[in-house]
Protein backbone atom coordinates (compact mmCIF):
# COMPACT_ATOMS: atom_id res chain seq x y z
CA MET A 1 0.00 0.00 0.00
CA SER A 2 1.27 3.46 -0.85
CA SER A 3 1.92 6.26 1.60
CA LEU A 4 -1.14 8.03 0.18
CA ALA A 5 -3.34 5.12 1.26
CA LEU A 6 -1.87 5.27 4.74
CA GLN A 7 -2.71 8.95 4.99
CA LEU A 8 -6.28 8.39 3.77
CA LEU A 9 -6.75 5.67 6.36
CA ALA A 10 -5.98 8.12 9.15
CA ASP A 11 -8.70 10.47 7.88
CA THR A 12 -11.53 7.92 7.67
CA PRO A 13 -14.07 7.16 10.43
CA GLN A 14 -12.80 3.59 10.49
CA GLY A 15 -9.30 4.89 11.25
CA ALA A 16 -10.69 6.95 14.12
CA ALA A 17 -12.63 4.01 15.49
CA MET A 18 -9.48 1.93 15.64
CA SER A 19 -8.13 4.22 18.37
CA SER A 20 -10.04 2.09 20.88
CA THR A 21 -10.24 -1.22 19.02
CA PRO A 22 -7.24 -1.41 16.72
CA LEU A 23 -7.81 -5.04 15.69
CA ALA A 24 -11.55 -4.78 15.32
CA MET A 25 -13.57 -5.08 12.15
CA CYS A 26 -15.46 -1.80 11.75
CA ALA A 27 -18.94 -2.34 10.26
CA GLY A 28 -17.74 -5.62 8.78
CA VAL A 29 -15.16 -3.83 6.61
CA PRO A 30 -11.56 -5.19 6.84
CA THR A 31 -9.07 -2.60 8.03
CA LEU A 32 -5.34 -2.30 7.68
CA HIS A 33 -4.79 -3.43 11.24
CA THR A 34 -6.34 -6.81 10.61
CA LEU A 35 -3.09 -7.70 8.83
CA PRO A 36 -0.23 -9.29 10.79
CA ALA A 37 2.32 -6.88 12.20
CA GLU A 38 5.03 -8.33 9.96
CA VAL A 39 2.98 -7.56 6.87
CA LEU A 40 2.24 -4.04 8.09
CA GLU A 41 5.95 -3.41 8.51
CA ARG A 42 6.52 -4.59 4.95
CA VAL A 43 3.93 -2.07 3.78
CA LEU A 44 5.41 0.76 5.83
CA ILE A 45 8.96 0.35 4.50
CA PHE A 46 7.72 1.48 1.06
CA SER A 47 6.38 4.72 2.53
CA ASP A 48 8.04 8.04 3.16
CA PRO A 49 9.38 8.29 6.74
CA ARG A 50 7.26 11.39 7.36
CA ASP A 51 4.14 9.49 6.34
CA VAL A 52 5.11 6.66 8.69
CA SER A 53 5.29 9.18 11.53
CA ARG A 54 1.85 10.52 10.60
CA TYR A 55 0.47 6.99 10.52
CA ALA A 56 1.82 6.40 14.04
CA GLN A 57 -0.39 9.25 15.27
CA THR A 58 -3.63 7.59 14.17
CA CYS A 59 -3.99 5.18 17.13
CA ARG A 60 -2.20 3.46 19.97
CA PHE A 61 -1.68 0.29 17.97
CA ALA A 62 0.00 2.20 15.16
CA ARG A 63 2.19 4.11 17.58
CA LYS A 64 3.32 0.92 19.30
CA LEU A 65 4.01 -0.75 15.95
CA VAL A 66 6.17 2.15 14.75
CA TYR A 67 7.91 3.35 17.90
CA GLU A 68 8.01 0.18 20.03
CA PRO A 69 8.84 -2.60 17.57
CA LYS A 70 10.21 -5.94 18.68
CA ASP A 71 13.28 -5.55 16.45
CA HIS A 72 14.94 -2.86 14.32
CA PHE A 73 13.72 -4.21 10.95
CA LEU A 74 11.26 -1.38 10.22
CA TRP A 75 13.57 1.56 10.93
CA ARG A 76 16.60 -0.14 9.44
CA GLU A 77 14.78 -0.73 6.16
CA LEU A 78 13.35 2.79 6.18
CA TYR A 79 16.87 4.15 6.67
CA LEU A 80 18.48 1.95 4.03
CA GLY A 81 15.71 2.85 1.63
CA ARG A 82 17.00 6.41 1.62
CA PRO A 83 20.24 7.58 -0.07
CA TYR A 84 22.44 6.95 2.98
CA ASP A 85 25.41 4.72 3.76
CA ASP A 86 24.90 1.62 5.88
CA LEU A 87 25.60 2.53 9.51
CA ARG A 88 27.04 -0.93 10.11
CA LYS A 89 29.94 -0.15 7.77
CA ALA A 90 30.92 3.13 9.47
CA ILE A 91 34.16 3.24 11.44
CA PRO A 92 34.62 5.10 14.76
CA ALA A 93 35.67 8.74 14.67
CA PRO A 94 37.02 10.88 17.53
CA GLN A 95 34.07 12.30 19.47
CA SER A 96 33.68 15.52 21.41
CA ARG A 97 34.03 15.24 25.17
CA LEU A 98 32.78 18.72 25.91
CA ASP A 99 29.52 19.64 27.58
CA LEU A 100 29.48 23.38 27.06
CA PRO A 101 26.82 25.61 28.66
CA GLY A 102 23.84 25.89 26.36
CA ARG A 103 25.04 23.23 23.96
CA VAL A 104 22.25 21.35 22.23
CA ARG A 105 22.16 17.78 23.47
CA THR A 106 21.08 14.94 21.22
CA ASP A 107 19.67 11.50 21.93
CA SER A 108 22.88 9.80 20.94
CA ASP A 109 26.50 10.24 21.92
CA GLY A 110 28.40 9.99 18.67
CA PRO A 111 27.52 8.21 15.41
CA ALA A 112 24.79 5.63 15.58
CA THR A 113 25.50 1.99 14.89
CA SER A 114 23.29 -0.97 14.28
CA THR A 115 24.36 -2.53 17.57
CA SER A 116 22.33 0.10 19.40
CA GLY A 117 19.02 -1.32 18.18
CA CYS A 118 16.21 0.36 16.31
CA SER A 119 16.66 3.67 18.13
CA SER A 120 19.92 4.33 16.28
CA TRP A 121 18.42 3.76 12.85
CA ARG A 122 15.35 5.83 13.77
CA PHE A 123 17.41 8.61 15.35
CA GLU A 124 19.67 9.03 12.32
CA LEU A 125 16.78 8.87 9.85
CA GLN A 126 14.66 11.39 11.75
CA ARG A 127 17.47 13.87 12.33
CA ARG A 128 18.54 13.79 8.66
CA THR A 129 14.98 14.26 7.48
CA ASP A 130 14.60 17.22 9.85
CA ALA A 131 17.98 18.68 8.87
CA GLU A 132 17.09 18.59 5.19
CA ALA A 133 13.81 20.38 5.92
CA ILE A 134 15.60 23.03 8.01
CA ALA A 135 18.17 23.65 5.26
CA ALA A 136 15.40 23.92 2.65
CA SER A 137 13.58 26.58 4.68
CA ALA A 138 14.85 29.90 3.33
CA ASP A 139 13.42 31.76 6.33
CA GLU A 140 15.04 29.52 8.95
CA ARG A 141 17.29 31.60 11.18
CA ASP A 142 16.77 29.96 14.55
CA PRO A 143 20.26 29.18 15.90
CA GLU A 144 19.10 26.04 17.71
CA GLN A 145 17.50 24.61 14.57
CA LEU A 146 20.56 25.46 12.49
CA TYR A 147 22.79 23.89 15.12
CA HIS A 148 20.80 20.65 14.86
CA ALA A 149 21.01 20.71 11.05
CA PHE A 150 24.76 21.42 10.90
CA GLU A 151 25.49 18.79 13.55
CA THR A 152 23.51 16.24 11.54
CA PHE A 153 25.41 17.08 8.35
CA LEU A 154 28.72 16.58 10.16
CA ALA A 155 27.47 13.27 11.58
CA ALA A 156 26.83 12.17 7.99
CA VAL A 157 30.52 12.82 7.29
CA ASP A 158 31.53 10.82 10.38
CA THR A 159 29.44 7.83 9.25
CA ALA A 160 30.44 8.00 5.57
CA LEU A 161 31.40 4.76 3.88
CA PRO A 162 35.15 4.19 4.29
CA VAL A 163 37.34 3.44 1.30
CA ARG A 164 38.38 -0.20 1.16
CA GLU A 165 41.49 -1.62 -0.43
CA GLU A 166 39.44 -3.42 -3.07
CA ASP A 167 37.87 -0.09 -4.06
CA LEU A 168 41.20 1.29 -5.28
CA LYS A 169 41.65 1.57 -9.01
CA GLU A 170 44.89 1.03 -10.87
CA GLY A 171 47.52 3.41 -9.51
CA GLY A 172 45.91 3.62 -6.07
CA LYS A 173 44.89 7.29 -6.41
CA GLU A 174 41.22 6.75 -7.35
CA PHE A 175 38.52 4.48 -5.97
CA SER A 176 35.45 2.93 -7.50
CA SER A 177 32.95 3.20 -4.63
CA ARG A 178 31.16 6.40 -3.61
CA SER A 179 29.65 7.47 -0.32
CA GLU A 180 25.87 7.90 -0.43
CA ASN A 181 26.08 10.05 2.70
CA LEU A 182 28.36 12.55 1.00
CA ARG A 183 26.37 12.53 -2.24
CA TRP A 184 23.22 13.31 -0.23
CA LEU A 185 25.03 16.05 1.71
CA ASP A 186 26.42 17.54 -1.49
CA ARG A 187 22.94 17.67 -3.05
CA VAL A 188 21.39 19.28 0.02
CA LEU A 189 24.09 21.95 0.36
CA ARG A 190 24.08 22.78 -3.35
CA ARG A 191 20.31 22.99 -3.58
CA THR A 192 19.61 24.94 -0.39
CA LYS A 193 22.81 27.06 -0.23
CA VAL A 194 22.32 27.10 3.54
CA LEU A 195 26.04 27.66 4.06
CA ASN A 196 25.90 30.94 2.15
CA LEU A 197 23.05 32.34 4.22
CA PRO A 198 24.18 34.30 7.30
CA ILE A 199 22.92 33.32 10.74
CA PRO A 200 22.54 35.83 13.56
CA PRO A 201 26.09 36.85 14.56
CA PRO A 202 27.10 35.21 17.83
CA PRO A 203 27.91 37.52 20.72
CA SER A 204 31.25 37.77 22.44
CA SER A 205 32.57 34.48 23.76
CA PRO A 206 33.27 34.11 27.47
CA VAL A 207 35.69 36.80 28.53
CA GLY A 208 39.30 36.00 27.78
CA THR A 209 38.45 33.91 24.72
CA PRO A 210 40.37 35.10 21.65
CA ASN A 211 39.32 34.63 18.06
CA SER A 212 35.60 35.00 18.71
CA PRO A 213 33.25 37.27 16.73
CA SER A 214 31.85 40.29 18.50
CA SER A 215 28.16 40.72 19.20
CA SER A 216 28.23 44.01 17.32
CA THR A 217 29.86 42.44 14.25
CA SER A 218 27.91 42.84 11.04
CA ILE A 219 27.53 40.15 8.40
CA SER A 220 28.95 40.82 4.94
CA SER A 221 27.70 39.52 1.62
CA THR A 222 30.15 36.61 1.89
CA GLY A 223 28.30 35.23 4.90
CA TYR A 224 31.18 35.95 7.30
CA PRO A 225 31.32 38.54 10.04
CA ASP A 226 33.00 41.72 8.80
CA THR A 227 36.32 42.52 10.44
CA PRO A 228 36.20 46.04 11.94
CA PRO A 229 39.18 48.27 11.06
CA ARG A 230 40.22 48.31 14.72
CA ARG A 231 38.93 45.49 16.84
CA GLU A 232 40.35 44.83 20.27
CA LEU A 233 40.94 41.10 20.57
CA ARG A 234 42.74 41.26 23.92
CA VAL A 235 41.08 41.24 27.32
CA THR A 236 40.17 44.73 28.46
CA LYS A 237 38.45 46.22 31.47
CA ASP A 238 35.32 46.94 29.41
CA ARG A 239 35.12 43.34 28.23
CA LEU A 240 35.45 42.10 31.80
CA THR A 241 32.40 44.08 32.84
CA GLU A 242 30.24 42.65 30.02
CA ALA A 243 27.58 40.09 30.84
CA LEU A 244 28.36 36.45 30.24
CA PRO A 245 26.59 34.95 27.22
CA SER A 246 23.31 33.15 27.77
CA ALA A 247 22.64 29.54 26.79
CA ARG A 248 21.01 30.68 23.54
CA ASP A 249 23.98 32.89 22.74
CA THR A 250 26.31 29.95 23.26
CA VAL A 251 24.22 27.82 20.91
CA ALA A 252 24.43 30.58 18.28
CA ALA A 253 28.22 30.73 18.65
CA GLU A 254 28.54 26.95 18.32
CA ALA A 255 26.19 26.93 15.30
CA HIS A 256 28.48 29.50 13.69
CA GLN A 257 31.46 27.20 14.31
CA LEU A 258 29.68 24.16 12.83
CA ARG A 259 28.68 26.19 9.79
CA CYS A 260 32.29 27.26 9.25
CA ARG A 261 33.42 23.65 9.65
CA LEU A 262 31.09 22.58 6.87
CA ARG A 263 32.33 25.42 4.69
CA ALA A 264 35.91 24.28 5.28
CA TYR A 265 34.89 20.75 4.30
CA VAL A 266 33.26 21.94 1.08
CA SER A 267 36.44 23.90 0.23
CA LEU A 268 34.82 26.15 -2.40
CA ALA A 269 33.80 23.07 -4.42
CA HIS A 270 30.37 24.65 -4.98
CA GLU A 271 31.81 27.85 -6.42
CA SER A 272 32.19 28.06 -10.19
CA SER A 273 34.80 30.22 -11.87
CA PHE A 274 32.54 30.47 -14.92
CA SER A 275 29.65 32.19 -13.13
CA VAL A 276 29.74 35.98 -12.96
CA GLU A 277 27.88 35.97 -9.65
CA SER A 278 30.21 33.35 -8.20
CA ARG A 279 33.34 35.21 -9.34
CA ALA A 280 32.14 38.41 -7.70
CA ARG A 281 31.41 36.53 -4.49
CA LEU A 282 34.84 34.90 -4.56
CA VAL A 283 36.54 38.30 -4.84
CA GLU A 284 34.86 39.52 -1.66
CA LEU A 285 35.36 36.18 0.03
CA ARG A 286 39.07 36.19 -0.69
CA LYS A 287 39.45 39.71 0.64
CA ALA A 288 37.63 38.83 3.89
CA SER A 289 39.67 35.65 4.35
CA ARG A 290 42.96 37.45 3.81
CA CYS A 291 41.98 40.10 6.35
CA PHE A 292 41.25 37.37 8.87
CA VAL A 293 44.28 35.14 8.27
CA TYR A 294 46.92 37.88 8.06
CA ASP A 295 45.64 39.78 11.10
CA MET A 296 48.40 39.20 13.65
CA ARG A 297 46.12 39.98 16.57
CA ARG A 298 44.49 36.62 16.04
CA TYR A 299 47.62 34.70 17.04
CA GLN A 300 48.19 34.59 20.77
CA PRO A 301 50.02 32.38 23.28
CA GLY A 302 46.70 31.31 24.82
CA THR A 303 45.77 29.52 21.58
CA LEU A 304 49.32 28.25 20.95
CA TRP A 305 49.58 30.52 17.88
CA GLY A 306 47.31 28.18 15.93
CA PRO A 307 43.77 28.11 14.47
CA TYR A 308 42.23 27.41 17.85
CA ARG A 309 39.97 29.04 20.41
CA ILE A 310 39.49 28.67 24.13
CA VAL A 311 36.31 27.37 25.75
CA TYR A 312 35.64 27.15 29.46
CA ALA A 313 34.48 23.57 29.74
CA PRO A 314 32.72 22.65 32.99
CA SER A 315 34.99 20.75 35.34
CA GLY A 316 35.06 17.06 34.46
CA ALA A 317 33.34 17.59 31.10
CA ALA A 318 36.48 16.96 29.11
CA ASN A 319 39.05 14.36 30.04
CA THR A 320 42.04 16.36 28.91
CA GLU A 321 45.69 15.97 29.61
CA PRO A 322 47.65 19.09 30.59
CA HIS A 323 50.14 20.38 28.07
CA PRO A 324 53.73 19.43 28.91
CA GLY A 325 55.00 22.04 31.33
CA SER A 326 51.57 23.19 32.43
CA SER A 327 50.08 23.06 35.90
CA SER A 328 47.37 20.52 36.62
CA GLY A 329 45.84 22.55 39.43
CA GLU A 330 42.64 24.56 39.55
CA ASP A 331 44.25 27.78 38.39
CA ASP A 332 44.07 26.88 34.71
CA SER A 333 41.05 29.12 34.24
CA ASP A 334 42.95 32.40 34.09
CA SER A 335 44.69 33.29 30.86
CA GLU A 336 48.16 34.73 30.57
CA GLN A 337 46.73 38.16 29.68
CA GLU A 338 44.44 38.14 32.71
CA GLN A 339 47.32 37.34 35.04
CA GLU A 340 49.41 40.14 33.56
CA GLU A 341 46.80 42.89 33.45
CA GLU A 342 44.41 42.24 36.32
CA PRO A 343 46.62 43.75 39.08
CA TYR A 344 46.58 47.11 37.26
CA TRP A 345 42.79 47.18 37.37
CA GLY A 346 42.44 46.69 41.09
CA SER A 347 40.21 44.40 43.09
CA SER A 348 36.97 46.20 42.16
CA VAL A 349 36.80 44.32 38.84
CA PRO A 350 36.11 40.62 39.41
CA SER A 351 38.36 38.21 37.57
CA VAL A 352 37.11 36.08 34.70
CA LYS A 353 37.60 32.97 36.75
CA SER A 354 35.50 34.21 39.66
CA ARG A 355 32.75 35.56 37.38
CA MET A 356 32.46 32.29 35.50
CA ARG A 357 32.44 30.31 38.76
CA GLU A 358 29.60 32.49 40.04
CA ALA A 359 27.72 31.89 36.78
CA GLY A 360 28.09 28.15 37.20
CA VAL A 361 30.27 27.64 34.13
CA ALA A 362 33.71 27.65 35.72
CA GLY A 363 36.07 25.01 34.42
CA ARG A 364 39.33 24.38 32.69
CA ARG A 365 40.51 26.51 29.79
CA THR A 366 40.23 23.98 26.99
CA LEU A 367 41.70 24.26 23.51
CA VAL A 368 39.33 23.52 20.64
CA VAL A 369 39.41 24.28 16.91
CA ASN A 370 38.35 27.68 15.64
CA TRP A 371 36.65 26.47 12.47
CA GLU A 372 36.07 30.02 11.27
CA HIS A 373 39.86 30.38 11.16
CA VAL A 374 40.28 27.06 9.35
CA ASP A 375 37.61 28.05 6.84
CA HIS A 376 39.47 31.26 6.00
CA ILE A 377 42.70 29.28 5.62
CA MET A 378 41.04 26.99 3.10
CA ASN A 379 39.74 29.99 1.18
CA VAL A 380 43.16 31.65 0.93
CA VAL A 381 44.99 28.49 -0.13
CA GLY A 382 42.21 27.19 -2.37
CA LEU A 383 41.81 30.42 -4.32
CA LYS A 384 45.57 30.71 -4.72
CA LEU A 385 45.76 27.17 -6.08
CA ARG A 386 43.01 27.99 -8.57
CA GLU A 387 45.33 30.56 -10.15
CA VAL A 388 48.19 28.10 -10.59
CA ALA A 389 48.30 25.91 -13.68
CA HIS A 390 48.75 22.17 -13.20
CA THR A 391 51.80 22.17 -15.45
CA SER A 392 53.64 24.71 -13.31
CA LEU A 393 53.35 22.48 -10.24
CA GLY A 394 54.90 19.49 -11.95
CA PHE A 395 55.22 16.66 -9.43
CA TYR A 396 53.12 18.56 -6.86
CA LYS A 397 49.58 17.87 -7.99
CA LYS A 398 46.74 19.97 -6.67
CA PRO A 399 44.83 18.53 -3.69
CA LEU A 400 41.39 17.06 -4.14
CA PHE A 401 38.60 19.55 -3.37
CA SER A 402 35.38 17.55 -3.08
CA LEU A 403 33.29 15.98 -0.35
CA GLU A 404 34.53 12.53 -1.41
CA ALA A 405 37.93 13.58 -0.08
CA LEU A 406 36.48 13.54 3.47
CA ARG A 407 36.00 9.76 3.51
CA PRO A 408 38.13 7.67 5.87
CA TYR A 409 41.14 6.03 4.21
CA SER A 410 40.66 8.04 1.02
CA ALA A 411 44.22 9.41 1.29
CA VAL A 412 46.77 7.97 -1.09
CA GLY A 413 48.85 5.28 0.57
CA SER A 414 46.31 4.39 3.27
CA PHE A 415 46.73 0.70 2.44
CA GLU A 416 50.49 0.67 1.84
CA PRO A 417 52.41 -2.11 3.64
CA GLU A 418 54.61 0.38 5.52
CA ARG A 419 51.58 1.82 7.34
CA LEU A 420 51.58 0.22 10.78
CA PRO A 421 48.35 -1.12 12.33
CA HIS A 422 48.36 1.50 15.11
CA ASP A 423 48.90 4.36 12.64
CA TRP A 424 45.25 5.44 12.78
CA ALA A 425 46.07 8.89 11.31
CA GLY A 426 47.99 7.59 8.30
CA VAL A 427 51.16 9.46 9.21
CA THR A 428 53.67 7.22 7.48
CA GLY A 429 54.31 8.07 3.85
CA LYS A 430 54.98 10.90 1.45
CA TRP A 431 53.08 14.16 1.79
CA ARG A 432 52.68 17.32 -0.26
CA ARG A 433 52.40 20.68 1.42
CA PHE A 434 51.33 23.99 -0.10
CA VAL A 435 52.39 27.08 1.83
CA CYS A 436 50.98 30.57 1.19
CA PHE A 437 52.59 33.68 2.67
CA MET A 438 52.82 37.40 2.03
CA ASP A 439 55.90 39.59 1.90
CA TYR A 440 56.97 40.71 5.36
CA ARG A 441 56.92 44.37 4.32
CA ASP A 442 53.33 43.99 3.13
CA LEU A 443 52.43 42.17 6.33
CA TYR A 444 53.86 44.99 8.42
CA MET A 445 52.01 47.64 6.41
CA PHE A 446 48.71 45.76 6.71
CA ASN A 447 48.99 45.44 10.49
CA TYR A 448 50.76 48.65 11.54
CA SER A 449 50.32 51.30 8.84
CA HIS A 450 49.25 54.76 10.05
CA LEU A 451 48.48 55.91 6.53
CA PRO A 452 44.86 56.18 5.39
CA PRO A 453 42.70 54.13 5.55
CA GLY A 454 44.65 52.65 8.48
CA PRO A 455 45.69 49.11 9.46
CA HIS A 456 43.62 45.98 8.86
CA HIS A 457 41.59 47.57 6.08
CA PRO A 458 40.20 45.22 3.39
CA SER A 459 41.22 47.62 0.60
CA PHE A 460 44.84 46.59 1.21
CA PHE A 461 44.16 43.29 -0.59
CA GLU A 462 42.75 44.77 -3.78
CA ASP A 463 44.62 44.17 -7.02
CA PRO A 464 47.53 43.98 -7.68
CA PHE A 465 48.21 42.35 -4.27
CA ASP A 466 49.31 38.73 -4.40
CA GLU A 467 50.87 36.26 -2.00
CA ALA A 468 53.46 33.60 -2.69
CA LEU A 469 52.86 29.86 -2.96
CA ARG A 470 55.49 27.23 -2.20
CA PRO A 471 55.07 23.45 -2.61
CA VAL A 472 56.99 21.28 -0.18
CA GLU A 473 57.46 17.51 -0.12
CA LEU A 474 57.48 15.70 3.24
CA HIS A 475 58.50 12.15 4.15
CA LEU A 476 57.17 11.07 7.56
CA SER A 477 57.42 7.94 9.69
CA LEU A 478 56.30 7.01 13.21
CA ILE A 479 58.57 6.99 16.23
CA SER A 480 57.98 6.04 19.83
CA GLU A 481 57.13 8.49 22.60
CA ALA A 482 60.54 7.90 24.16
CA GLU A 483 62.29 8.79 20.90
CA TYR A 484 60.19 11.94 20.56
CA PHE A 485 61.13 13.24 24.02
CA ALA A 486 64.74 12.08 23.79
CA ASP A 487 65.83 15.39 22.22
CA LEU A 488 63.98 18.22 23.97
CA SER A 489 65.66 20.81 21.75
CA GLN A 490 63.45 19.62 18.88
CA ILE A 491 60.17 20.08 20.78
CA PRO A 492 58.24 23.39 20.96
CA HIS A 493 59.07 24.87 24.34
CA VAL A 494 57.71 28.43 24.06
CA LEU A 495 54.39 28.16 25.89
CA PRO A 496 52.01 30.61 27.59
CA ARG A 497 52.30 30.95 31.33
CA VAL A 498 49.27 28.72 31.87
CA PRO A 499 48.79 26.58 28.72
CA PRO A 500 45.23 25.45 28.02
CA ALA A 501 44.24 21.83 28.27
CA SER A 502 44.73 20.52 24.76
CA ASP A 503 45.42 16.87 23.96
CA VAL A 504 42.79 14.34 25.04
CA GLY A 505 43.77 10.93 26.35
CA ASP A 506 41.52 8.91 24.02
CA PRO A 507 42.51 5.22 24.14
CA ALA A 508 40.91 4.61 20.75
CA PHE A 509 43.06 7.34 19.17
CA PRO A 510 46.31 7.52 21.15
CA THR A 511 48.84 10.26 20.47
CA LEU A 512 51.19 9.41 17.60
CA TYR A 513 54.73 10.75 17.33
CA PHE A 514 56.61 11.09 14.06
CA GLU A 515 59.76 12.39 12.43
CA GLY A 516 60.92 12.90 8.88
CA HIS A 517 62.35 15.39 6.43
CA SER A 518 61.06 17.95 3.96
CA ARG A 519 62.34 19.42 0.72
CA GLY A 520 61.04 22.29 -1.38
CA PRO A 521 61.72 22.96 -5.06
CA HIS A 522 64.78 25.14 -4.32
CA SER A 523 65.42 24.64 -0.59
CA SER A 524 67.73 22.48 1.46
CA VAL A 525 66.60 19.40 3.33
CA ALA A 526 65.08 20.05 6.76
CA THR A 527 64.21 17.63 9.53
CA ILE A 528 60.71 17.39 10.99
CA ARG A 529 59.45 16.16 14.34
CA GLY A 530 55.88 16.28 15.59
CA LYS A 531 52.81 14.51 16.90
CA VAL A 532 49.14 13.81 16.11
CA SER A 533 46.54 13.92 18.87
CA THR A 534 42.85 14.57 19.47
CA LEU A 535 41.37 17.68 21.06
CA ALA A 536 38.46 17.85 23.47
CA ASP A 537 36.04 18.71 20.65
CA GLY A 538 36.98 15.55 18.72
CA ALA A 539 39.17 17.32 16.16
CA ILE A 540 42.50 15.81 15.10
CA ARG A 541 45.43 18.11 15.82
CA TRP A 542 48.73 17.98 13.91
CA GLN A 543 51.75 19.73 15.40
CA PHE A 544 55.35 19.66 14.17
CA VAL A 545 58.52 21.74 13.99
CA THR A 546 61.01 22.15 11.14
CA THR A 547 64.74 22.23 11.89
CA TYR A 548 67.49 23.54 9.63
CA ASP A 549 71.14 22.79 10.46
CA GLY A 550 70.27 21.69 13.98
CA ARG A 551 68.26 24.83 14.83
CA MET A 552 64.52 24.67 15.25
CA GLN A 553 63.12 27.36 12.93
CA TRP A 554 59.44 26.85 12.11
CA SER A 555 56.46 25.55 14.06
CA ALA A 556 53.19 24.35 12.50
CA GLU A 557 49.72 23.81 13.95
CA GLY A 558 47.11 22.13 11.78
CA VAL A 559 43.73 20.39 11.86
CA GLN A 560 42.63 17.27 10.00
CA LEU A 561 39.76 17.83 7.56
CA GLY A 562 37.16 15.09 7.46
CA HIS A 563 37.64 11.58 8.83
CA VAL A 564 40.86 9.78 9.72
CA CYS A 565 43.25 9.22 6.78
CA SER A 566 41.14 11.47 4.56
CA ALA A 567 42.37 12.81 1.23
CA ALA A 568 41.23 16.29 2.28
CA GLY A 569 44.42 16.54 4.35
CA ILE A 570 45.35 19.16 6.94
CA ALA A 571 44.83 22.92 7.08
CA GLY A 572 46.81 25.07 9.47
CA ILE A 573 49.25 27.83 10.31
CA TRP A 574 53.04 27.93 10.50
CA THR A 575 54.99 30.46 12.52
CA GLY A 576 58.45 30.98 13.97
CA ALA A 577 59.27 28.21 16.42
CA HIS A 578 60.57 30.55 19.14
CA HIS A 579 57.91 33.30 18.92
CA GLU A 580 60.39 35.97 19.94
CA ARG A 581 59.46 39.65 19.90
CA ASP A 582 61.95 40.41 17.12
CA ASP A 583 61.18 37.21 15.25
CA PRO A 584 59.52 37.99 11.90
CA ALA A 585 57.15 35.16 12.77
CA GLY A 586 56.77 36.12 16.43
CA LYS A 587 53.75 37.28 18.36
CA SER A 588 54.05 41.04 18.12
CA SER A 589 55.49 41.25 14.61
CA ALA A 590 54.50 37.89 13.24
CA GLN A 591 54.58 36.86 9.64
CA ARG A 592 51.60 34.57 9.39
CA SER A 593 51.16 32.13 6.59
CA VAL A 594 48.75 29.38 5.76
CA ALA A 595 49.38 25.84 4.64
CA LYS A 596 47.42 22.97 3.10
CA GLN A 597 48.87 19.49 3.39
CA SER A 598 47.70 16.23 1.90
CA LYS A 599 49.01 12.75 1.16
CA LEU A 600 50.76 12.03 -2.11
């Protein structure tokens, strides 16, 4: 029976009568409920899930059949009848361990699997159906609804069908299978353009949190918050006296982060260089991203000079390990800037730590990814790579920009024999790295110029401005933890006074340590040493330093895009390893650059 017949049944007098006698024969006429439950389930699996939900509202028998089945056959078949990947084939992904104030809680912790029973199949099907409806609603601006939709889209990435060794085509750089999850997500995002529509700008993050949009920030035509010509990113007395954000404000801020994460995953794949409208949008988008990435105020010790932000997770919400050299006591809540500046303000202004404790949200300063920052990095590198011809790169092929690149084990070499079983991140192998940077004189003028129109003005990046692009080849291999810490001179040691809690002790994804060497087209060989770990928000963090002639020179902080061993690679920032005041890549006069790295 079709879904139309099910709907008509609910509108008939016989359907109403069955509310009290579901198995009865009304006026001698056979009803749908006279059929065995197994047959009814077979009928329902050919219906639209929304019609099945409407049918469940007709009577108690129907509700029990739909929402209290004896097994998960009905909801499993309804789910598999849609364009989604089989949940039983999904592999685990690092999950968030944060429970932030105001965060929207779901009915499931992490991706659903078939071992959880029918509730997992039903939960995933219902949330994806709702998310698609929310994205299709052009008038939808409710932050909580958008948060649910964006979280569902990201869950579809986490449960995408992994690439198997038998899927690889000749050469090992292409695969025959495709992920239905990612095809569905691509269709929804292209059709609805929900990622291009601005959401209400989130207010200021909890005081002391850098890299967070201001509540007074306006939204530009690119969908990003405009960067004011002079915006104070450091903690000030005025910011300390502001009210803490409400639960709804926190949800709006997190929805903004999830939206930026999806935009970073899409990587401009939905923008066409042949469309006049798209080209005009890309011009403004590139200008906004350059203003964000090359603004040196966004790189601070509290965020380890990387594309991160600080959240005040409630105590015990995140099982995080303190950064080497940090204190494990209760005083982690105060940032380095607060400790330096608070004595000058006197005791009349309460500290951030005390105010957040009074508000019931006191906890450890926890490092999580600033996906808005990562999104801007992808824009700068991606648009620069669009200008470069394939022939000019030679051996360094352009990275793959598509949602298929987010699949687990889609990176080249994921099934090579040299990859060890515990190498869950796919570290071992040959990598390509694309580094974008601007001339130091231009960087200084953009950040410190007193000439009209002043520093940090978007007009600085109008034509004929251009940044440089350098391809670099890396060869990496795993080492033990003891080998990593054997030479402390090759480990980043310039840390803020009270480093935030960063790496998470996840037994399923233990910290990996690696070493190797890199070589550019015209540069000498450099040694590399670093590690891969997971953050409290479930993101995969890559950190390494580059050493020339025995001297540590550069430090890199990056974030994995997509699932483990994905072809999308890593996006991040590299800076001077010592962060000295006179260092051209230091904090106060830093030369910031962006990098995109993927497996060869």
